[in-house]
Amino acid sequence: MTLLDKPLRQPKSARRQAPALQPLVTRGRHAVLAKAATGITGLDEITGGGLPRGRPTLVCGAAGSGKTLLATEFLVRGATEFGERGVFMTFEESVEDLTADVASLGFDLAALIAQRKIVIDYVRVNRHEIEETGEYDLEGLFIRLDHAIKSIRAKRVVLDTIDALFTGFSNPGILRMELARLFRWLKDQGVTAVITGERGEGTLTRHGLEEYVSDAVIVLDHRVDDQVSTRRLRIIKYRGSSHGTNEYPFLIGRSGLSVLPITALGLQHEAPLDRVSTGLDALDAMLGSQGFYRGSSILLSGGAGTGKSSLAAHFVDAACRRGERCVYFLFEESPSQYIRNMRSIGIDLEAWTKSGLLHFHAARPALLGLEQHLVAMHGAIEEVRPAVVVVDPINDLMSVGTTNAVKAILLRLIDYLKTSHVTAVFSSLTAGDAHEQTTDMGISSLMDTWILLRAVEEKGQRHRGLYVLKSRGMPHSNEVTRYTITDHGVQLVGRSPQHRTVRRTIR
């Protein structure tokens, strides 16, 4: 006999419940909905603080979209970071299977169970043993759940998945009544609940009813476009609170879920006044003798072989010499190949990788979709907390997205870096038949400083020249300066740190 096949009277514990908790806090003259932080990177930002405290939230999506992982992380973060114990009631996976599934994310459920911070209860629901009658209800579930909550004084509850719980219902009237009673019972307990559900045909859930009785609804999506998979999260509903309404990319990584709410950022970041060296005294002289503004975005553009990566290496080397951490994203070379190539011009980056100041992340753009690249880059930056980021080259992103999509991704990345006061260098390859003062993605307007590298042939020899096309907020040279790439790095010909600059402020 299963838990649900026997009608029971309403348990005494349920009859004696106190009135439903009103999860509101006062802020000034206004009552604001209290929220329970999830601890999931990005999700608390787009929800304005977390899930509605003391109320049920529905998390729905197709198989493999990450519902169970999100629910598990909500419970684990609550127990380990916010001092809120939790109950996980599963109707599909055993305790052993669930524990093994989330171990790869670094979640040690066995330890949390031993510490009585989490209780996992596996309830077997056998469809063939359930008899639906006019008196059928979920009071047996309430008894079992009530006992689990009280045994550890839990504040958070997960039910995974609700479809398995209601698999024996065919009468829509009874189904609606029991769903409403389940959600109302959870509210009466004052617990913050996450309930997972499978997507239906044309509806958010299979029954199409759960979303109406939930206080908040989060939809997870795992889609494949042009053979590239991406995961998206969207908040469909959140009673009593403002929230982000866009689709947000999210990633399931080694430390759980991370949602990237870059589009929520506003133009409110502070503009630092301090300057950082380019790594070349002569180039610093072309930029008001002080180099780039910290936290600015710099574009190095030019044809093949003009030395864009070499200039970026000088900048990274100078930052590491200052003791600043750097993250270098490579889309065309392996870290080993790039380090070898830069060693040929006298720049030894391997020493900085060994010291932990320089971190390389190399991947072909086709490995991930644009949104997933953005999430992965965001995760790497959050982990290292660098002062400098290099993306080399941005043109390769065009292979996995349209021009507008790539520009949107770069805009979101630049906004994020500016907010964190990270100085960012982007390299862009200029096609041979393109005008030199254009870029494939039209992203020059996003850049604070634009240095253009060019190559010309004269009398059978190839010469290189660079000039500062723009540099917002500082005096800078308007001259085209010849340079060579030698075994001692990039050398600007005929310039010294005291070389004259003129003020050209581009807005």
Protein backbone atom coordinates (compact mmCIF):
# COMPACT_ATOMS: atom_id res chain seq x y z
CA MET A 1 0.00 0.00 0.00
CA THR A 2 1.44 3.38 -0.96
CA LEU A 3 1.23 6.65 0.84
CA LEU A 4 -1.56 8.06 -1.29
CA ASP A 5 -3.96 5.19 -1.87
CA LYS A 6 -5.75 5.43 1.46
CA PRO A 7 -8.08 8.35 2.30
CA LEU A 8 -7.23 9.83 5.69
CA ARG A 9 -8.83 12.36 7.94
CA GLN A 10 -7.17 15.70 8.11
CA PRO A 11 -4.21 15.34 10.53
CA LYS A 12 -4.46 17.05 13.89
CA SER A 13 -1.22 18.85 13.15
CA ALA A 14 -2.80 20.38 10.09
CA ARG A 15 -6.01 21.30 11.94
CA ARG A 16 -4.09 23.15 14.66
CA GLN A 17 -1.94 25.22 12.32
CA ALA A 18 -1.61 28.90 13.09
CA PRO A 19 -2.96 31.39 10.56
CA ALA A 20 -0.86 31.66 7.41
CA LEU A 21 2.30 33.66 7.82
CA GLN A 22 2.18 37.05 6.13
CA PRO A 23 5.69 37.24 4.64
CA LEU A 24 5.83 41.03 4.41
CA VAL A 25 8.40 43.45 5.72
CA THR A 26 7.99 47.18 6.16
CA ARG A 27 10.25 49.50 4.19
CA GLY A 28 9.46 53.10 4.86
CA ARG A 29 5.68 53.45 4.50
CA HIS A 30 5.35 50.46 2.21
CA ALA A 31 4.98 46.76 2.90
CA VAL A 32 7.47 44.77 0.81
CA LEU A 33 7.30 41.07 0.09
CA ALA A 34 9.89 39.20 2.16
CA LYS A 35 12.23 37.02 0.12
CA ALA A 36 14.43 33.98 0.69
CA ALA A 37 17.79 34.26 -1.05
CA THR A 38 18.57 31.27 -3.26
CA GLY A 39 22.33 31.74 -3.23
CA ILE A 40 22.33 30.96 -6.96
CA THR A 41 24.57 33.35 -8.86
CA GLY A 42 22.44 35.86 -10.78
CA LEU A 43 19.03 34.47 -9.81
CA ASP A 44 18.75 36.59 -6.68
CA GLU A 45 19.56 39.66 -8.76
CA ILE A 46 16.81 39.19 -11.33
CA THR A 47 14.27 38.23 -8.65
CA GLY A 48 15.12 41.24 -6.53
CA GLY A 49 16.40 39.22 -3.60
CA GLY A 50 15.25 35.63 -4.05
CA LEU A 51 12.04 33.60 -3.97
CA PRO A 52 8.92 34.73 -2.07
CA ARG A 53 9.45 33.73 1.54
CA GLY A 54 6.79 31.48 2.97
CA ARG A 55 5.19 30.93 -0.43
CA PRO A 56 5.40 28.26 -3.16
CA THR A 57 7.39 28.76 -6.36
CA LEU A 58 6.88 26.56 -9.41
CA VAL A 59 9.97 25.66 -11.47
CA CYS A 60 8.97 24.03 -14.75
CA GLY A 61 10.71 22.87 -17.88
CA ALA A 62 11.29 19.94 -20.20
CA ALA A 63 13.32 16.90 -19.21
CA GLY A 64 16.98 17.77 -18.73
CA SER A 65 16.43 21.51 -18.35
CA GLY A 66 17.86 21.62 -14.81
CA LYS A 67 14.78 21.74 -12.57
CA THR A 68 15.99 19.26 -9.98
CA LEU A 69 19.45 20.84 -9.87
CA LEU A 70 18.01 24.31 -9.28
CA ALA A 71 15.76 22.98 -6.52
CA THR A 72 18.64 21.08 -4.92
CA GLU A 73 20.93 24.11 -4.96
CA PHE A 74 18.17 26.23 -3.41
CA LEU A 75 18.03 23.74 -0.55
CA VAL A 76 21.80 23.28 -0.18
CA ARG A 77 22.57 27.02 -0.26
CA GLY A 78 19.84 27.62 2.28
CA ALA A 79 21.34 25.06 4.67
CA THR A 80 24.99 26.04 4.21
CA GLU A 81 24.84 29.81 3.65
CA PHE A 82 21.63 31.11 5.23
CA GLY A 83 21.07 28.78 8.18
CA GLU A 84 17.74 27.49 6.87
CA ARG A 85 17.24 23.73 7.01
CA GLY A 86 15.33 22.02 4.24
CA VAL A 87 13.21 19.03 3.28
CA PHE A 88 13.52 17.42 -0.14
CA MET A 89 10.60 15.16 -1.00
CA THR A 90 11.25 13.27 -4.21
CA PHE A 91 8.73 11.15 -6.09
CA GLU A 92 11.04 9.93 -8.87
CA GLU A 93 14.60 9.40 -7.59
CA SER A 94 15.84 7.49 -4.59
CA VAL A 95 17.99 9.22 -1.98
CA GLU A 96 21.08 7.40 -3.26
CA ASP A 97 20.46 8.39 -6.89
CA LEU A 98 19.80 12.04 -6.02
CA THR A 99 22.91 12.23 -3.83
CA ALA A 100 25.07 10.81 -6.61
CA ASP A 101 23.56 13.07 -9.28
CA VAL A 102 24.44 16.33 -7.53
CA ALA A 103 27.83 15.26 -6.16
CA SER A 104 29.49 16.44 -9.39
CA LEU A 105 28.34 19.99 -8.55
CA GLY A 106 30.13 19.85 -5.22
CA PHE A 107 26.97 19.29 -3.16
CA ASP A 108 27.55 16.76 -0.37
CA LEU A 109 23.99 15.81 0.50
CA ALA A 110 25.11 12.87 2.62
CA ALA A 111 27.03 15.19 4.94
CA LEU A 112 24.12 17.62 5.20
CA ILE A 113 21.77 14.75 6.03
CA ALA A 114 24.15 13.52 8.72
CA GLN A 115 24.27 17.04 10.19
CA ARG A 116 20.45 17.16 10.18
CA LYS A 117 20.45 20.22 7.97
CA ILE A 118 18.55 18.47 5.19
CA VAL A 119 16.04 15.63 5.13
CA ILE A 120 15.44 13.72 1.90
CA ASP A 121 12.29 11.62 1.72
CA TYR A 122 11.70 9.32 -1.25
CA VAL A 123 7.98 8.66 -1.74
CA ARG A 124 7.13 5.90 -4.18
CA VAL A 125 3.99 6.72 -6.12
CA ASN A 126 2.72 3.70 -8.05
CA ARG A 127 0.10 4.74 -10.55
CA HIS A 128 -1.49 1.29 -10.69
CA GLU A 129 -2.02 1.17 -6.93
CA ILE A 130 -3.85 4.47 -6.73
CA GLU A 131 -7.61 4.42 -6.71
CA GLU A 132 -9.27 7.71 -7.36
CA THR A 133 -12.52 8.21 -5.46
CA GLY A 134 -14.66 11.18 -4.57
CA GLU A 135 -12.96 11.21 -1.16
CA TYR A 136 -9.42 10.96 -2.52
CA ASP A 137 -7.04 13.56 -1.07
CA LEU A 138 -3.42 14.18 -0.08
CA GLU A 139 -3.72 14.05 3.68
CA GLY A 140 -1.28 11.16 3.86
CA LEU A 141 1.30 13.34 2.13
CA PHE A 142 0.62 16.18 4.57
CA ILE A 143 1.31 13.88 7.55
CA ARG A 144 4.61 12.70 6.12
CA LEU A 145 5.73 16.17 5.05
CA ASP A 146 4.65 17.73 8.33
CA HIS A 147 6.75 15.19 10.26
CA ALA A 148 9.82 15.86 8.10
CA ILE A 149 9.51 19.64 8.50
CA LYS A 150 9.15 19.45 12.28
CA SER A 151 11.94 16.90 12.70
CA ILE A 152 14.60 19.51 11.76
CA ARG A 153 12.54 22.73 11.99
CA ALA A 154 12.85 23.21 8.23
CA LYS A 155 12.28 26.56 6.54
CA ARG A 156 12.60 25.33 2.95
CA VAL A 157 10.81 22.53 1.12
CA VAL A 158 11.25 20.98 -2.32
CA LEU A 159 8.70 18.71 -4.04
CA ASP A 160 10.17 17.00 -7.11
CA THR A 161 8.17 16.49 -9.32
CA ILE A 162 4.53 17.34 -8.92
CA ASP A 163 3.62 15.39 -12.08
CA ALA A 164 4.53 12.10 -10.40
CA LEU A 165 2.46 13.05 -7.37
CA PHE A 166 -0.69 13.62 -9.44
CA THR A 167 -0.12 10.85 -11.96
CA GLY A 168 -3.29 9.01 -10.90
CA PHE A 169 -5.67 11.96 -11.24
CA SER A 170 -7.95 12.14 -14.25
CA ASN A 171 -10.80 14.24 -12.87
CA PRO A 172 -9.92 17.92 -13.51
CA GLY A 173 -12.15 19.08 -10.68
CA ILE A 174 -10.47 16.91 -8.06
CA LEU A 175 -7.06 17.74 -9.49
CA ARG A 176 -7.64 21.49 -9.21
CA MET A 177 -8.99 21.14 -5.69
CA GLU A 178 -6.08 19.03 -4.46
CA LEU A 179 -3.49 21.25 -6.13
CA ALA A 180 -4.95 24.31 -4.46
CA ARG A 181 -5.05 22.52 -1.13
CA LEU A 182 -1.42 21.42 -1.42
CA PHE A 183 -0.19 24.95 -2.16
CA ARG A 184 -2.38 26.39 0.60
CA TRP A 185 -1.05 23.81 3.08
CA LEU A 186 2.53 24.76 2.24
CA LYS A 187 1.71 28.42 2.84
CA ASP A 188 0.16 27.54 6.20
CA GLN A 189 3.43 25.94 7.29
CA GLY A 190 5.30 29.18 6.59
CA VAL A 191 7.92 27.36 4.48
CA THR A 192 9.49 28.64 1.28
CA ALA A 193 8.70 25.90 -1.22
CA VAL A 194 10.04 25.01 -4.65
CA ILE A 195 7.85 22.66 -6.66
CA THR A 196 9.10 21.26 -9.95
CA GLY A 197 6.93 20.29 -12.90
CA GLU A 198 7.36 19.02 -16.47
CA ARG A 199 6.37 21.18 -19.44
CA GLY A 200 3.10 20.29 -21.15
CA GLU A 201 1.86 20.58 -24.70
CA GLY A 202 1.01 24.26 -25.10
CA THR A 203 1.04 24.78 -21.31
CA LEU A 204 3.74 25.50 -18.76
CA THR A 205 2.99 22.22 -16.98
CA ARG A 206 1.38 18.93 -17.94
CA HIS A 207 -1.81 19.67 -16.04
CA GLY A 208 -1.85 23.36 -16.97
CA LEU A 209 -3.08 24.28 -13.49
CA GLU A 210 -0.02 24.56 -11.27
CA GLU A 211 1.05 27.93 -12.65
CA TYR A 212 -2.23 29.51 -11.55
CA VAL A 213 -1.93 28.54 -7.89
CA SER A 214 1.80 29.33 -7.59
CA ASP A 215 3.00 32.69 -6.30
CA ALA A 216 6.02 32.62 -8.61
CA VAL A 217 6.74 30.66 -11.79
CA ILE A 218 10.21 30.09 -13.26
CA VAL A 219 10.57 28.40 -16.65
CA LEU A 220 13.78 26.64 -17.67
CA ASP A 221 14.54 25.91 -21.30
CA HIS A 222 17.24 23.84 -22.99
CA ARG A 223 17.26 24.54 -26.71
CA VAL A 224 19.46 23.70 -29.68
CA ASP A 225 19.96 26.20 -32.52
CA ASP A 226 22.32 25.44 -35.39
CA GLN A 227 23.64 22.43 -33.49
CA VAL A 228 24.58 24.61 -30.50
CA SER A 229 22.74 24.12 -27.20
CA THR A 230 21.85 26.92 -24.81
CA ARG A 231 20.03 27.01 -21.49
CA ARG A 232 17.65 29.87 -20.68
CA LEU A 233 15.70 30.94 -17.60
CA ARG A 234 12.67 33.18 -17.52
CA ILE A 235 10.45 34.40 -14.70
CA ILE A 236 6.89 34.16 -15.95
CA LYS A 237 5.16 35.28 -12.78
CA TYR A 238 6.06 36.77 -9.41
CA ARG A 239 3.17 38.01 -7.29
CA GLY A 240 3.83 41.12 -5.26
CA SER A 241 7.27 41.88 -6.63
CA SER A 242 8.97 43.41 -9.62
CA HIS A 243 11.41 41.14 -11.42
CA GLY A 244 13.44 40.71 -14.58
CA THR A 245 11.25 39.60 -17.47
CA ASN A 246 13.84 38.73 -20.11
CA GLU A 247 15.21 35.33 -20.99
CA TYR A 248 18.51 34.88 -19.18
CA PRO A 249 21.21 32.39 -20.13
CA PHE A 250 22.35 30.07 -17.38
CA LEU A 251 25.07 27.50 -17.06
CA ILE A 252 25.33 24.30 -15.04
CA GLY A 253 28.95 24.20 -13.93
CA ARG A 254 31.17 22.59 -11.33
CA SER A 255 29.76 24.73 -8.53
CA GLY A 256 26.08 24.70 -9.49
CA LEU A 257 23.91 27.02 -11.55
CA SER A 258 24.88 30.51 -12.59
CA VAL A 259 22.46 32.91 -14.24
CA LEU A 260 23.79 35.87 -16.16
CA PRO A 261 21.47 38.88 -15.74
CA ILE A 262 23.68 41.25 -17.74
CA THR A 263 20.72 42.92 -19.42
CA ALA A 264 19.54 44.14 -16.03
CA LEU A 265 22.55 46.41 -15.64
CA GLY A 266 22.07 50.13 -15.96
CA LEU A 267 24.55 52.84 -16.90
CA GLN A 268 25.26 53.74 -13.28
CA HIS A 269 28.86 52.56 -12.93
CA GLU A 270 31.54 54.88 -11.59
CA ALA A 271 34.28 56.04 -13.98
CA PRO A 272 37.71 55.62 -12.31
CA LEU A 273 40.19 58.46 -12.73
CA ASP A 274 43.39 56.48 -12.29
CA ARG A 275 45.36 55.32 -15.31
CA VAL A 276 47.19 52.09 -16.18
CA SER A 277 50.17 51.66 -18.47
CA THR A 278 49.83 50.04 -21.88
CA GLY A 279 53.13 48.25 -21.27
CA LEU A 280 54.95 50.51 -23.75
CA ASP A 281 56.26 53.89 -22.62
CA ALA A 282 56.05 55.29 -26.14
CA LEU A 283 52.41 54.23 -26.49
CA ASP A 284 51.64 55.69 -23.06
CA ALA A 285 53.05 58.96 -24.40
CA MET A 286 50.53 58.87 -27.23
CA LEU A 287 47.79 58.64 -24.59
CA GLY A 288 48.55 61.70 -22.53
CA SER A 289 51.71 60.07 -21.12
CA GLN A 290 49.65 57.97 -18.71
CA GLY A 291 48.07 55.09 -20.64
CA PHE A 292 44.47 53.86 -20.47
CA TYR A 293 41.82 54.75 -17.91
CA ARG A 294 41.27 51.88 -15.52
CA GLY A 295 37.97 50.16 -16.22
CA SER A 296 37.86 51.35 -19.82
CA SER A 297 37.32 49.25 -22.95
CA ILE A 298 40.05 49.22 -25.58
CA LEU A 299 39.82 48.01 -29.16
CA LEU A 300 42.90 46.91 -31.11
CA SER A 301 41.96 46.48 -34.76
CA GLY A 302 43.96 45.82 -37.87
CA GLY A 303 44.78 43.33 -40.58
CA ALA A 304 46.44 39.96 -40.14
CA GLY A 305 50.00 40.14 -38.83
CA THR A 306 49.83 43.74 -37.64
CA GLY A 307 50.59 42.80 -34.01
CA LYS A 308 47.26 43.04 -32.19
CA SER A 309 48.00 40.07 -29.94
CA SER A 310 51.52 41.37 -29.34
CA LEU A 311 50.22 44.70 -28.04
CA ALA A 312 47.73 42.83 -25.85
CA ALA A 313 50.61 40.74 -24.47
CA HIS A 314 52.54 43.90 -23.54
CA PHE A 315 49.50 45.19 -21.64
CA VAL A 316 48.97 41.88 -19.81
CA ASP A 317 52.68 41.64 -18.94
CA ALA A 318 52.63 45.18 -17.49
CA ALA A 319 49.51 44.41 -15.44
CA CYS A 320 51.08 41.24 -13.99
CA ARG A 321 54.23 43.19 -13.12
CA ARG A 322 51.98 45.50 -11.10
CA GLY A 323 50.67 42.42 -9.27
CA GLU A 324 47.25 42.55 -10.95
CA ARG A 325 45.37 39.40 -11.97
CA CYS A 326 44.46 38.96 -15.64
CA VAL A 327 42.12 36.70 -17.60
CA TYR A 328 42.91 36.09 -21.28
CA PHE A 329 40.21 34.55 -23.52
CA LEU A 330 41.65 32.93 -26.63
CA PHE A 331 39.51 31.84 -29.58
CA GLU A 332 42.20 30.92 -32.11
CA GLU A 333 45.25 29.59 -30.24
CA SER A 334 45.95 27.31 -27.34
CA PRO A 335 47.56 28.94 -24.29
CA SER A 336 50.77 27.01 -24.94
CA GLN A 337 50.95 28.24 -28.53
CA TYR A 338 50.26 31.85 -27.54
CA ILE A 339 52.88 31.76 -24.77
CA ARG A 340 55.43 30.30 -27.22
CA ASN A 341 54.67 32.98 -29.82
CA MET A 342 54.99 35.82 -27.33
CA ARG A 343 58.26 34.40 -26.03
CA SER A 344 59.66 34.98 -29.51
CA ILE A 345 59.24 38.74 -29.03
CA GLY A 346 60.75 38.73 -25.54
CA ILE A 347 57.58 38.49 -23.43
CA ASP A 348 57.53 35.55 -21.00
CA LEU A 349 53.91 35.02 -19.95
CA GLU A 350 54.48 31.53 -18.59
CA ALA A 351 55.96 32.95 -15.40
CA TRP A 352 52.73 34.82 -14.73
CA THR A 353 50.59 31.72 -15.31
CA LYS A 354 52.71 29.79 -12.80
CA SER A 355 52.38 32.58 -10.25
CA GLY A 356 48.59 32.57 -10.63
CA LEU A 357 48.36 36.12 -11.90
CA LEU A 358 47.49 35.18 -15.50
CA HIS A 359 44.65 32.81 -16.36
CA PHE A 360 44.01 31.60 -19.90
CA HIS A 361 40.65 30.31 -21.16
CA ALA A 362 40.86 28.91 -24.68
CA ALA A 363 37.95 27.50 -26.69
CA ARG A 364 36.69 27.44 -30.23
CA PRO A 365 33.59 29.65 -30.56
CA ALA A 366 31.64 26.72 -32.04
CA LEU A 367 32.03 24.86 -28.74
CA LEU A 368 29.24 26.94 -27.16
CA GLY A 369 26.48 29.29 -28.19
CA LEU A 370 26.92 33.03 -27.75
CA GLU A 371 24.95 33.14 -24.52
CA GLN A 372 26.88 30.20 -23.11
CA HIS A 373 30.17 31.88 -24.00
CA LEU A 374 28.97 34.94 -22.11
CA VAL A 375 28.03 32.84 -19.07
CA ALA A 376 31.36 30.97 -19.18
CA MET A 377 33.31 34.23 -19.42
CA HIS A 378 31.29 35.72 -16.60
CA GLY A 379 32.03 32.65 -14.45
CA ALA A 380 35.76 32.83 -15.13
CA ILE A 381 35.85 36.53 -14.28
CA GLU A 382 33.88 35.99 -11.07
CA GLU A 383 36.27 33.21 -10.05
CA VAL A 384 39.53 35.09 -10.70
CA ARG A 385 38.39 38.67 -9.97
CA PRO A 386 40.90 40.17 -12.43
CA ALA A 387 41.90 43.75 -13.02
CA VAL A 388 42.44 43.11 -16.74
CA VAL A 389 40.55 41.00 -19.30
CA VAL A 390 41.59 40.34 -22.90
CA VAL A 391 39.27 38.86 -25.58
CA ASP A 392 41.26 37.80 -28.66
CA PRO A 393 39.79 38.01 -31.27
CA ILE A 394 36.13 38.99 -31.19
CA ASN A 395 35.62 38.27 -34.91
CA ASP A 396 35.52 34.53 -34.27
CA LEU A 397 32.24 34.93 -32.39
CA MET A 398 30.62 35.70 -35.73
CA SER A 399 30.79 31.99 -36.54
CA VAL A 400 28.13 31.22 -33.92
CA GLY A 401 25.86 34.25 -34.20
CA THR A 402 24.63 37.14 -36.28
CA THR A 403 26.23 40.57 -36.25
CA ASN A 404 23.49 42.00 -34.05
CA ALA A 405 23.68 39.06 -31.65
CA VAL A 406 27.46 39.38 -31.27
CA LYS A 407 27.18 43.12 -30.70
CA ALA A 408 24.53 42.55 -28.03
CA ILE A 409 26.74 39.99 -26.28
CA LEU A 410 29.74 42.32 -26.31
CA LEU A 411 27.62 45.20 -25.02
CA ARG A 412 26.51 43.10 -22.07
CA LEU A 413 30.05 41.94 -21.39
CA ILE A 414 31.46 45.48 -21.55
CA ASP A 415 28.76 46.78 -19.20
CA TYR A 416 29.58 44.04 -16.73
CA LEU A 417 33.32 44.73 -16.90
CA LYS A 418 32.84 48.47 -16.48
CA THR A 419 30.67 47.90 -13.43
CA SER A 420 33.49 45.79 -11.96
CA HIS A 421 36.15 48.39 -12.95
CA VAL A 422 37.93 45.80 -15.09
CA THR A 423 40.07 47.15 -17.94
CA ALA A 424 39.20 45.19 -21.08
CA VAL A 425 41.14 44.80 -24.31
CA PHE A 426 39.43 43.43 -27.42
CA SER A 427 41.20 42.56 -30.65
CA SER A 428 39.44 42.69 -34.00
CA LEU A 429 40.68 41.51 -37.37
CA THR A 430 40.01 43.94 -40.20
CA ALA A 431 39.29 42.22 -43.49
CA GLY A 432 41.54 43.11 -46.39
CA ASP A 433 38.79 44.69 -48.46
CA ALA A 434 37.15 46.53 -45.55
CA HIS A 435 37.62 50.17 -44.67
CA GLU A 436 40.19 50.35 -41.88
CA GLN A 437 37.95 52.51 -39.67
CA THR A 438 35.19 49.91 -39.52
CA THR A 439 34.70 46.68 -37.64
CA ASP A 440 32.76 43.60 -38.65
CA MET A 441 30.29 44.08 -35.80
CA GLY A 442 30.11 47.85 -35.65
CA ILE A 443 31.20 47.81 -32.01
CA SER A 444 33.60 50.75 -32.17
CA SER A 445 31.01 52.98 -30.48
CA LEU A 446 31.21 50.73 -27.40
CA MET A 447 34.94 51.35 -27.01
CA ASP A 448 36.59 54.11 -24.99
CA THR A 449 39.92 53.83 -26.79
CA TRP A 450 40.46 52.58 -30.35
CA ILE A 451 43.96 51.88 -31.60
CA LEU A 452 44.19 51.04 -35.26
CA LEU A 453 47.11 49.03 -36.63
CA ARG A 454 47.88 49.11 -40.32
CA ALA A 455 50.40 47.64 -42.75
CA VAL A 456 51.58 49.35 -45.95
CA GLU A 457 54.02 48.34 -48.65
CA GLU A 458 56.65 50.78 -49.85
CA LYS A 459 59.45 49.99 -52.28
CA GLY A 460 59.04 46.28 -51.84
CA GLN A 461 59.01 46.42 -48.06
CA ARG A 462 56.16 46.02 -45.58
CA HIS A 463 55.89 48.70 -42.91
CA ARG A 464 53.62 48.88 -39.92
CA GLY A 465 52.00 51.96 -38.43
CA LEU A 466 49.53 52.66 -35.61
CA TYR A 467 47.47 55.60 -34.55
CA VAL A 468 44.94 56.38 -31.84
CA LEU A 469 41.65 56.76 -33.64
CA LYS A 470 39.90 57.86 -30.45
CA SER A 471 40.43 57.90 -26.71
CA ARG A 472 37.60 59.37 -24.70
CA GLY A 473 38.34 61.83 -21.94
CA MET A 474 42.08 62.25 -22.44
CA PRO A 475 44.58 64.06 -24.68
CA HIS A 476 46.04 61.75 -27.29
CA SER A 477 48.27 61.84 -30.33
CA ASN A 478 46.82 62.33 -33.79
CA GLU A 479 49.92 61.06 -35.58
CA VAL A 480 50.46 57.79 -37.41
CA THR A 481 53.50 56.20 -35.77
CA ARG A 482 55.63 53.53 -37.37
CA TYR A 483 56.51 50.49 -35.28
CA THR A 484 58.41 47.24 -35.61
CA ILE A 485 57.99 43.88 -33.91
CA THR A 486 61.38 42.67 -32.71
CA ASP A 487 62.72 40.01 -30.37
CA HIS A 488 62.45 42.69 -27.68
CA GLY A 489 58.78 43.35 -28.29
CA VAL A 490 56.93 46.10 -30.13
CA GLN A 491 59.12 49.13 -30.77
CA LEU A 492 57.60 52.48 -31.80
CA VAL A 493 59.96 54.22 -34.19
CA GLY A 494 61.06 57.78 -33.43
CA ARG A 495 58.98 58.25 -30.29
CA SER A 496 59.90 58.90 -26.72
CA PRO A 497 57.72 59.24 -23.62
CA GLN A 498 57.99 63.04 -23.95
CA HIS A 499 56.61 63.05 -27.51
CA ARG A 500 54.01 65.73 -28.13
CA THR A 501 50.30 64.86 -27.82
CA VAL A 502 47.27 66.86 -28.79
CA ARG A 503 43.88 66.89 -27.18
CA ARG A 504 41.26 65.09 -29.21
CA THR A 505 38.31 64.15 -27.09
CA ILE A 506 35.85 61.99 -29.00
CA ARG A 507 32.34 61.59 -27.66
